[in-house]
Amino acid sequence: MSTNLDDVTFLRLPEVKAITGLSKTSLYALIRDRSFPAPVRLGPRAVAWVRSDVRQWAVERVHASRSAA
């Protein structure tokens, strides 16, 4: 998780889907399983993901995929 709040950038769902290649259903299933970072509530009806958290998840997926082969 990002600890330097000066560098926090938020991503909305369409951006997260584009980066990960996953559907909304798949993303929320991974969040339920604690395998993907949960979004941050921005308002009563708005959530977003921290860019650094999504990037770290992607890096970990690449490393896991390549080390499994």
Protein backbone atom coordinates (compact mmCIF):
# COMPACT_ATOMS: atom_id res chain seq x y z
CA MET A 1 0.00 0.00 0.00
CA SER A 2 1.20 3.52 -0.75
CA THR A 3 2.45 5.36 2.33
CA ASN A 4 3.58 8.63 0.74
CA LEU A 5 0.35 10.59 0.51
CA ASP A 6 2.04 13.32 -1.55
CA ASP A 7 2.18 10.91 -4.50
CA VAL A 8 -1.36 9.48 -4.36
CA THR A 9 -3.17 9.37 -7.68
CA PHE A 10 -6.60 7.83 -8.05
CA LEU A 11 -7.84 5.58 -10.86
CA ARG A 12 -11.51 5.11 -11.64
CA LEU A 13 -12.97 1.75 -12.69
CA PRO A 14 -12.53 2.15 -16.48
CA GLU A 15 -8.82 2.89 -15.99
CA VAL A 16 -8.35 -0.07 -13.63
CA LYS A 17 -10.12 -2.36 -16.11
CA ALA A 18 -7.88 -1.10 -18.94
CA ILE A 19 -4.69 -1.57 -16.90
CA THR A 20 -5.54 -5.04 -15.61
CA GLY A 21 -7.52 -6.40 -18.54
CA LEU A 22 -10.10 -7.69 -16.04
CA SER A 23 -13.85 -7.18 -15.99
CA LYS A 24 -15.68 -5.40 -13.19
CA THR A 25 -17.00 -8.75 -11.96
CA SER A 26 -13.51 -10.27 -11.89
CA LEU A 27 -12.05 -7.25 -10.10
CA TYR A 28 -14.66 -7.31 -7.36
CA ALA A 29 -14.28 -11.09 -6.97
CA LEU A 30 -10.53 -10.60 -6.44
CA ILE A 31 -11.23 -7.80 -3.95
CA ARG A 32 -13.57 -10.13 -2.03
CA ASP A 33 -10.81 -12.74 -1.97
CA ARG A 34 -8.32 -10.08 -0.81
CA SER A 35 -6.26 -10.72 -3.96
CA PHE A 36 -6.66 -7.20 -5.37
CA PRO A 37 -6.46 -3.81 -3.62
CA ALA A 38 -9.80 -2.49 -2.44
CA PRO A 39 -10.97 0.88 -3.70
CA VAL A 40 -10.97 4.05 -1.60
CA ARG A 41 -14.29 5.80 -1.04
CA LEU A 42 -14.17 9.32 -2.50
CA GLY A 43 -17.78 10.22 -1.76
CA PRO A 44 -21.17 8.71 -1.13
CA ARG A 45 -21.34 7.17 -4.63
CA ALA A 46 -17.75 7.31 -5.85
CA VAL A 47 -14.78 5.01 -5.36
CA ALA A 48 -11.32 4.90 -6.91
CA TRP A 49 -8.17 2.83 -6.65
CA VAL A 50 -4.74 4.13 -5.63
CA ARG A 51 -2.55 3.99 -8.75
CA SER A 52 0.51 2.69 -6.87
CA ASP A 53 -1.53 -0.17 -5.35
CA VAL A 54 -2.77 -1.27 -8.78
CA ARG A 55 0.72 -0.97 -10.24
CA GLN A 56 2.18 -3.07 -7.40
CA TRP A 57 -0.49 -5.75 -7.92
CA ALA A 58 0.37 -5.87 -11.63
CA VAL A 59 4.11 -6.21 -10.92
CA GLU A 60 3.43 -9.02 -8.46
CA ARG A 61 1.27 -10.83 -11.05
CA VAL A 62 4.07 -10.62 -13.63
CA HIS A 63 6.64 -11.98 -11.17
CA ALA A 64 4.30 -14.78 -10.04
CA SER A 65 3.51 -15.73 -13.62
CA ARG A 66 7.13 -15.83 -14.71
CA SER A 67 8.42 -17.67 -11.66
CA ALA A 68 5.72 -20.34 -12.01
CA ALA A 69 6.84 -21.21 -15.54
